[in-house]
Amino acid sequence: MKTKIKISKIKYFETRRGVGYIVTTNVGHIYNDGNGGETYVDGNWKGENLNEFQLEDIINKYEGVSI
């Protein structure tokens, strides 16, 4: 998938149920609270309208993870 979204950093944190993260991009933030919910964007998101799987794919590519 081709996108204009560029990740600048990812901050991970532990929760009681897993690992959450906040991703800083050129168009807003991507979040996962680490409690088993979905991955979502903030209310000021200026990027493309992507579903949680597409967002996670962008993160995986940034980290060099292939699934």
PDB file of N, CA and C in Angstrom:
ATOM      1  N   MET A   1       0.840  -1.176   0.000  1.00  0.00           N
ATOM      2  CA  MET A   1       0.000   0.000   0.000  1.00  0.00           C
ATOM      3  C   MET A   1       0.887   1.243   0.000  1.00  0.00           C
ATOM      4  N   LYS A   2       0.638   2.143  -0.901  1.00  0.00           N
ATOM      5  CA  LYS A   2       1.380   3.390  -1.010  1.00  0.00           C
ATOM      6  C   LYS A   2       0.662   4.453  -0.177  1.00  0.00           C
ATOM      7  N   THR A   3       1.425   5.191   0.644  1.00  0.00           N
ATOM      8  CA  THR A   3       0.835   6.214   1.489  1.00  0.00           C
ATOM      9  C   THR A   3       1.797   7.378   1.651  1.00  0.00           C
ATOM     10  N   LYS A   4       1.275   8.540   2.014  1.00  0.00           N
ATOM     11  CA  LYS A   4       2.106   9.717   2.271  1.00  0.00           C
ATOM     12  C   LYS A   4       2.412   9.857   3.759  1.00  0.00           C
ATOM     13  N   ILE A   5       1.947   8.923   4.566  1.00  0.00           N
ATOM     14  CA  ILE A   5       2.171   8.982   6.006  1.00  0.00           C
ATOM     15  C   ILE A   5       3.613   8.591   6.306  1.00  0.00           C
ATOM     16  N   LYS A   6       4.297   9.443   7.067  1.00  0.00           N
ATOM     17  CA  LYS A   6       5.684   9.198   7.467  1.00  0.00           C
ATOM     18  C   LYS A   6       5.755   9.180   8.993  1.00  0.00           C
ATOM     19  N   ILE A   7       6.258   8.091   9.539  1.00  0.00           N
ATOM     20  CA  ILE A   7       6.402   7.954  10.987  1.00  0.00           C
ATOM     21  C   ILE A   7       7.711   8.595  11.423  1.00  0.00           C
ATOM     22  N   SER A   8       7.651   9.367  12.518  1.00  0.00           N
ATOM     23  CA  SER A   8       8.889   9.950  13.048  1.00  0.00           C
ATOM     24  C   SER A   8       9.333   9.272  14.336  1.00  0.00           C
ATOM     25  N   LYS A   9       8.388   8.732  15.139  1.00  0.00           N
ATOM     26  CA  LYS A   9       8.787   7.987  16.338  1.00  0.00           C
ATOM     27  C   LYS A   9       7.626   7.153  16.865  1.00  0.00           C
ATOM     28  N   ILE A  10       7.990   6.135  17.638  1.00  0.00           N
ATOM     29  CA  ILE A  10       7.010   5.275  18.298  1.00  0.00           C
ATOM     30  C   ILE A  10       7.398   5.173  19.764  1.00  0.00           C
ATOM     31  N   LYS A  11       6.441   5.407  20.638  1.00  0.00           N
ATOM     32  CA  LYS A  11       6.659   5.259  22.079  1.00  0.00           C
ATOM     33  C   LYS A  11       5.808   4.095  22.569  1.00  0.00           C
ATOM     34  N   TYR A  12       6.464   3.093  23.150  1.00  0.00           N
ATOM     35  CA  TYR A  12       5.769   1.918  23.680  1.00  0.00           C
ATOM     36  C   TYR A  12       5.625   2.041  25.189  1.00  0.00           C
ATOM     37  N   PHE A  13       4.551   1.448  25.729  1.00  0.00           N
ATOM     38  CA  PHE A  13       4.361   1.418  27.175  1.00  0.00           C
ATOM     39  C   PHE A  13       3.622   0.144  27.558  1.00  0.00           C
ATOM     40  N   GLU A  14       3.897  -0.338  28.771  1.00  0.00           N
ATOM     41  CA  GLU A  14       3.241  -1.547  29.284  1.00  0.00           C
ATOM     42  C   GLU A  14       1.918  -1.201  29.946  1.00  0.00           C
ATOM     43  N   THR A  15       0.956  -2.095  29.777  1.00  0.00           N
ATOM     44  CA  THR A  15      -0.318  -1.996  30.488  1.00  0.00           C
ATOM     45  C   THR A  15      -0.544  -3.322  31.212  1.00  0.00           C
ATOM     46  N   ARG A  16      -1.611  -3.410  31.977  1.00  0.00           N
ATOM     47  CA  ARG A  16      -1.914  -4.666  32.668  1.00  0.00           C
ATOM     48  C   ARG A  16      -2.188  -5.793  31.680  1.00  0.00           C
ATOM     49  N   ARG A  17      -2.654  -5.451  30.488  1.00  0.00           N
ATOM     50  CA  ARG A  17      -3.076  -6.481  29.530  1.00  0.00           C
ATOM     51  C   ARG A  17      -2.171  -6.606  28.310  1.00  0.00           C
ATOM     52  N   GLY A  18      -1.116  -5.829  28.240  1.00  0.00           N
ATOM     53  CA  GLY A  18      -0.257  -5.938  27.058  1.00  0.00           C
ATOM     54  C   GLY A  18       0.631  -4.729  26.885  1.00  0.00           C
ATOM     55  N   VAL A  19       0.915  -4.415  25.633  1.00  0.00           N
ATOM     56  CA  VAL A  19       1.783  -3.292  25.281  1.00  0.00           C
ATOM     57  C   VAL A  19       0.986  -2.335  24.406  1.00  0.00           C
ATOM     58  N   GLY A  20       1.013  -1.064  24.758  1.00  0.00           N
ATOM     59  CA  GLY A  20       0.369  -0.030  23.958  1.00  0.00           C
ATOM     60  C   GLY A  20       1.425   0.815  23.278  1.00  0.00           C
ATOM     61  N   TYR A  21       0.979   1.707  22.392  1.00  0.00           N
ATOM     62  CA  TYR A  21       1.930   2.593  21.728  1.00  0.00           C
ATOM     63  C   TYR A  21       1.264   3.866  21.243  1.00  0.00           C
ATOM     64  N   ILE A  22       2.109   4.881  21.085  1.00  0.00           N
ATOM     65  CA  ILE A  22       1.721   6.149  20.473  1.00  0.00           C
ATOM     66  C   ILE A  22       2.710   6.382  19.343  1.00  0.00           C
ATOM     67  N   VAL A  23       2.187   6.546  18.145  1.00  0.00           N
ATOM     68  CA  VAL A  23       3.019   6.742  16.963  1.00  0.00           C
ATOM     69  C   VAL A  23       2.861   8.192  16.492  1.00  0.00           C
ATOM     70  N   THR A  24       3.960   8.897  16.354  1.00  0.00           N
ATOM     71  CA  THR A  24       3.943  10.265  15.850  1.00  0.00           C
ATOM     72  C   THR A  24       4.231  10.222  14.357  1.00  0.00           C
ATOM     73  N   THR A  25       3.342  10.852  13.576  1.00  0.00           N
ATOM     74  CA  THR A  25       3.502  10.888  12.117  1.00  0.00           C
ATOM     75  C   THR A  25       3.459  12.335  11.633  1.00  0.00           C
ATOM     76  N   ASN A  26       3.639  12.508  10.354  1.00  0.00           N
ATOM     77  CA  ASN A  26       3.563  13.833   9.748  1.00  0.00           C
ATOM     78  C   ASN A  26       2.128  14.352   9.641  1.00  0.00           C
ATOM     79  N   VAL A  27       1.118  13.527   9.921  1.00  0.00           N
ATOM     80  CA  VAL A  27      -0.285  13.946   9.789  1.00  0.00           C
ATOM     81  C   VAL A  27      -1.102  13.748  11.059  1.00  0.00           C
ATOM     82  N   GLY A  28      -0.477  13.401  12.161  1.00  0.00           N
ATOM     83  CA  GLY A  28      -1.188  13.186  13.422  1.00  0.00           C
ATOM     84  C   GLY A  28      -0.609  12.005  14.177  1.00  0.00           C
ATOM     85  N   HIS A  29      -1.377  11.489  15.125  1.00  0.00           N
ATOM     86  CA  HIS A  29      -0.920  10.383  15.956  1.00  0.00           C
ATOM     87  C   HIS A  29      -1.779   9.137  15.751  1.00  0.00           C
ATOM     88  N   ILE A  30      -1.121   7.990  15.884  1.00  0.00           N
ATOM     89  CA  ILE A  30      -1.782   6.688  15.851  1.00  0.00           C
ATOM     90  C   ILE A  30      -1.632   6.103  17.252  1.00  0.00           C
ATOM     91  N   TYR A  31      -2.716   5.543  17.790  1.00  0.00           N
ATOM     92  CA  TYR A  31      -2.710   5.026  19.156  1.00  0.00           C
ATOM     93  C   TYR A  31      -3.175   3.573  19.227  1.00  0.00           C
ATOM     94  N   ASN A  32      -2.642   2.869  20.213  1.00  0.00           N
ATOM     95  CA  ASN A  32      -3.202   1.595  20.656  1.00  0.00           C
ATOM     96  C   ASN A  32      -2.996   1.579  22.159  1.00  0.00           C
ATOM     97  N   ASP A  33      -4.080   1.444  22.920  1.00  0.00           N
ATOM     98  CA  ASP A  33      -3.990   1.579  24.378  1.00  0.00           C
ATOM     99  C   ASP A  33      -3.444   0.340  25.079  1.00  0.00           C
ATOM    100  N   GLY A  34      -3.216  -0.753  24.345  1.00  0.00           N
ATOM    101  CA  GLY A  34      -2.612  -1.940  24.919  1.00  0.00           C
ATOM    102  C   GLY A  34      -3.552  -2.790  25.745  1.00  0.00           C
ATOM    103  N   ASN A  35      -4.838  -2.496  25.681  1.00  0.00           N
ATOM    104  CA  ASN A  35      -5.820  -3.249  26.466  1.00  0.00           C
ATOM    105  C   ASN A  35      -6.692  -4.151  25.606  1.00  0.00           C
ATOM    106  N   GLY A  36      -6.201  -4.511  24.435  1.00  0.00           N
ATOM    107  CA  GLY A  36      -6.939  -5.428  23.580  1.00  0.00           C
ATOM    108  C   GLY A  36      -7.887  -4.765  22.602  1.00  0.00           C
ATOM    109  N   GLY A  37      -7.888  -3.443  22.553  1.00  0.00           N
ATOM    110  CA  GLY A  37      -8.755  -2.722  21.627  1.00  0.00           C
ATOM    111  C   GLY A  37      -8.090  -2.505  20.285  1.00  0.00           C
ATOM    112  N   GLU A  38      -8.765  -1.727  19.465  1.00  0.00           N
ATOM    113  CA  GLU A  38      -8.234  -1.505  18.131  1.00  0.00           C
ATOM    114  C   GLU A  38      -7.212  -0.376  18.097  1.00  0.00           C
ATOM    115  N   THR A  39      -6.546  -0.248  16.970  1.00  0.00           N
ATOM    116  CA  THR A  39      -5.607   0.833  16.707  1.00  0.00           C
ATOM    117  C   THR A  39      -6.400   1.965  16.061  1.00  0.00           C
ATOM    118  N   TYR A  40      -6.173   3.185  16.519  1.00  0.00           N
ATOM    119  CA  TYR A  40      -6.971   4.307  16.043  1.00  0.00           C
ATOM    120  C   TYR A  40      -6.118   5.565  15.917  1.00  0.00           C
ATOM    121  N   VAL A  41      -6.697   6.615  15.318  1.00  0.00           N
ATOM    122  CA  VAL A  41      -6.000   7.894  15.128  1.00  0.00           C
ATOM    123  C   VAL A  41      -6.650   8.952  16.005  1.00  0.00           C
ATOM    124  N   ASP A  42      -5.934  10.066  16.230  1.00  0.00           N
ATOM    125  CA  ASP A  42      -6.490  11.132  17.056  1.00  0.00           C
ATOM    126  C   ASP A  42      -7.509  11.963  16.280  1.00  0.00           C
ATOM    127  N   GLY A  43      -8.227  12.824  16.988  1.00  0.00           N
ATOM    128  CA  GLY A  43      -9.274  13.643  16.380  1.00  0.00           C
ATOM    129  C   GLY A  43      -8.765  14.698  15.423  1.00  0.00           C
ATOM    130  N   ASN A  44      -7.471  14.982  15.446  1.00  0.00           N
ATOM    131  CA  ASN A  44      -6.883  15.980  14.546  1.00  0.00           C
ATOM    132  C   ASN A  44      -6.194  15.347  13.349  1.00  0.00           C
ATOM    133  N   TRP A  45      -6.449  14.087  13.100  1.00  0.00           N
ATOM    134  CA  TRP A  45      -5.812  13.334  12.008  1.00  0.00           C
ATOM    135  C   TRP A  45      -6.059  14.016  10.676  1.00  0.00           C
ATOM    136  N   LYS A  46      -4.992  14.279   9.936  1.00  0.00           N
ATOM    137  CA  LYS A  46      -5.103  14.921   8.630  1.00  0.00           C
ATOM    138  C   LYS A  46      -4.658  13.989   7.512  1.00  0.00           C
ATOM    139  N   GLY A  47      -4.533  12.719   7.830  1.00  0.00           N
ATOM    140  CA  GLY A  47      -4.077  11.735   6.861  1.00  0.00           C
ATOM    141  C   GLY A  47      -5.227  11.038   6.160  1.00  0.00           C
ATOM    142  N   GLU A  48      -4.864  10.021   5.436  1.00  0.00           N
ATOM    143  CA  GLU A  48      -5.834   9.227   4.697  1.00  0.00           C
ATOM    144  C   GLU A  48      -6.761   8.481   5.662  1.00  0.00           C
ATOM    145  N   ASN A  49      -7.917   8.117   5.176  1.00  0.00           N
ATOM    146  CA  ASN A  49      -8.880   7.358   5.968  1.00  0.00           C
ATOM    147  C   ASN A  49      -8.516   5.874   5.864  1.00  0.00           C
ATOM    148  N   LEU A  50      -7.800   5.358   6.882  1.00  0.00           N
ATOM    149  CA  LEU A  50      -7.307   3.987   6.860  1.00  0.00           C
ATOM    150  C   LEU A  50      -7.920   3.193   8.005  1.00  0.00           C
ATOM    151  N   ASN A  51      -8.076   1.885   7.790  1.00  0.00           N
ATOM    152  CA  ASN A  51      -8.568   1.043   8.882  1.00  0.00           C
ATOM    153  C   ASN A  51      -7.401   0.632   9.774  1.00  0.00           C
ATOM    154  N   GLU A  52      -7.712  -0.032  10.888  1.00  0.00           N
ATOM    155  CA  GLU A  52      -6.663  -0.363  11.859  1.00  0.00           C
ATOM    156  C   GLU A  52      -5.602  -1.301  11.289  1.00  0.00           C
ATOM    157  N   PHE A  53      -5.973  -2.170  10.375  1.00  0.00           N
ATOM    158  CA  PHE A  53      -5.012  -3.100   9.787  1.00  0.00           C
ATOM    159  C   PHE A  53      -4.040  -2.370   8.864  1.00  0.00           C
ATOM    160  N   GLN A  54      -4.534  -1.386   8.139  1.00  0.00           N
ATOM    161  CA  GLN A  54      -3.673  -0.583   7.281  1.00  0.00           C
ATOM    162  C   GLN A  54      -2.715   0.272   8.112  1.00  0.00           C
ATOM    163  N   LEU A  55      -3.206   0.821   9.234  1.00  0.00           N
ATOM    164  CA  LEU A  55      -2.345   1.594  10.129  1.00  0.00           C
ATOM    165  C   LEU A  55      -1.236   0.721  10.694  1.00  0.00           C
ATOM    166  N   GLU A  56      -1.593  -0.474  11.144  1.00  0.00           N
ATOM    167  CA  GLU A  56      -0.606  -1.392  11.707  1.00  0.00           C
ATOM    168  C   GLU A  56       0.394  -1.843  10.646  1.00  0.00           C
ATOM    169  N   ASP A  57      -0.033  -1.965   9.401  1.00  0.00           N
ATOM    170  CA  ASP A  57       0.870  -2.322   8.309  1.00  0.00           C
ATOM    171  C   ASP A  57       1.922  -1.233   8.102  1.00  0.00           C
ATOM    172  N   ILE A  58       1.524   0.030   8.186  1.00  0.00           N
ATOM    173  CA  ILE A  58       2.463   1.147   8.049  1.00  0.00           C
ATOM    174  C   ILE A  58       3.487   1.101   9.188  1.00  0.00           C
ATOM    175  N   ILE A  59       3.024   0.814  10.396  1.00  0.00           N
ATOM    176  CA  ILE A  59       3.920   0.711  11.555  1.00  0.00           C
ATOM    177  C   ILE A  59       4.884  -0.455  11.365  1.00  0.00           C
ATOM    178  N   ASN A  60       4.386  -1.605  10.928  1.00  0.00           N
ATOM    179  CA  ASN A  60       5.245  -2.771  10.707  1.00  0.00           C
ATOM    180  C   ASN A  60       6.332  -2.479   9.677  1.00  0.00           C
ATOM    181  N   LYS A  61       5.994  -1.792   8.612  1.00  0.00           N
ATOM    182  CA  LYS A  61       6.979  -1.435   7.582  1.00  0.00           C
ATOM    183  C   LYS A  61       8.037  -0.507   8.144  1.00  0.00           C
ATOM    184  N   TYR A  62       7.613   0.453   8.974  1.00  0.00           N
ATOM    185  CA  TYR A  62       8.566   1.371   9.603  1.00  0.00           C
ATOM    186  C   TYR A  62       9.548   0.605  10.482  1.00  0.00           C
ATOM    187  N   GLU A  63       9.057  -0.398  11.197  1.00  0.00           N
ATOM    188  CA  GLU A  63       9.894  -1.180  12.096  1.00  0.00           C
ATOM    189  C   GLU A  63      10.662  -2.303  11.385  1.00  0.00           C
ATOM    190  N   GLY A  64      10.378  -2.506  10.116  1.00  0.00           N
ATOM    191  CA  GLY A  64      11.055  -3.561   9.366  1.00  0.00           C
ATOM    192  C   GLY A  64      10.529  -4.949   9.671  1.00  0.00           C
ATOM    193  N   VAL A  65       9.272  -5.018  10.105  1.00  0.00           N
ATOM    194  CA  VAL A  65       8.641  -6.299  10.429  1.00  0.00           C
ATOM    195  C   VAL A  65       7.830  -6.759   9.232  1.00  0.00           C
ATOM    196  N   SER A  66       8.011  -8.011   8.831  1.00  0.00           N
ATOM    197  CA  SER A  66       7.187  -8.563   7.752  1.00  0.00           C
ATOM    198  C   SER A  66       6.315  -9.664   8.319  1.00  0.00           C
ATOM    199  N   ILE A  67       5.040  -9.541   8.062  1.00  0.00           N
ATOM    200  CA  ILE A  67       4.087 -10.540   8.567  1.00  0.00           C
ATOM    201  C   ILE A  67       3.428 -11.241   7.407  1.00  0.00           C
TER     202      ILE A  67
END
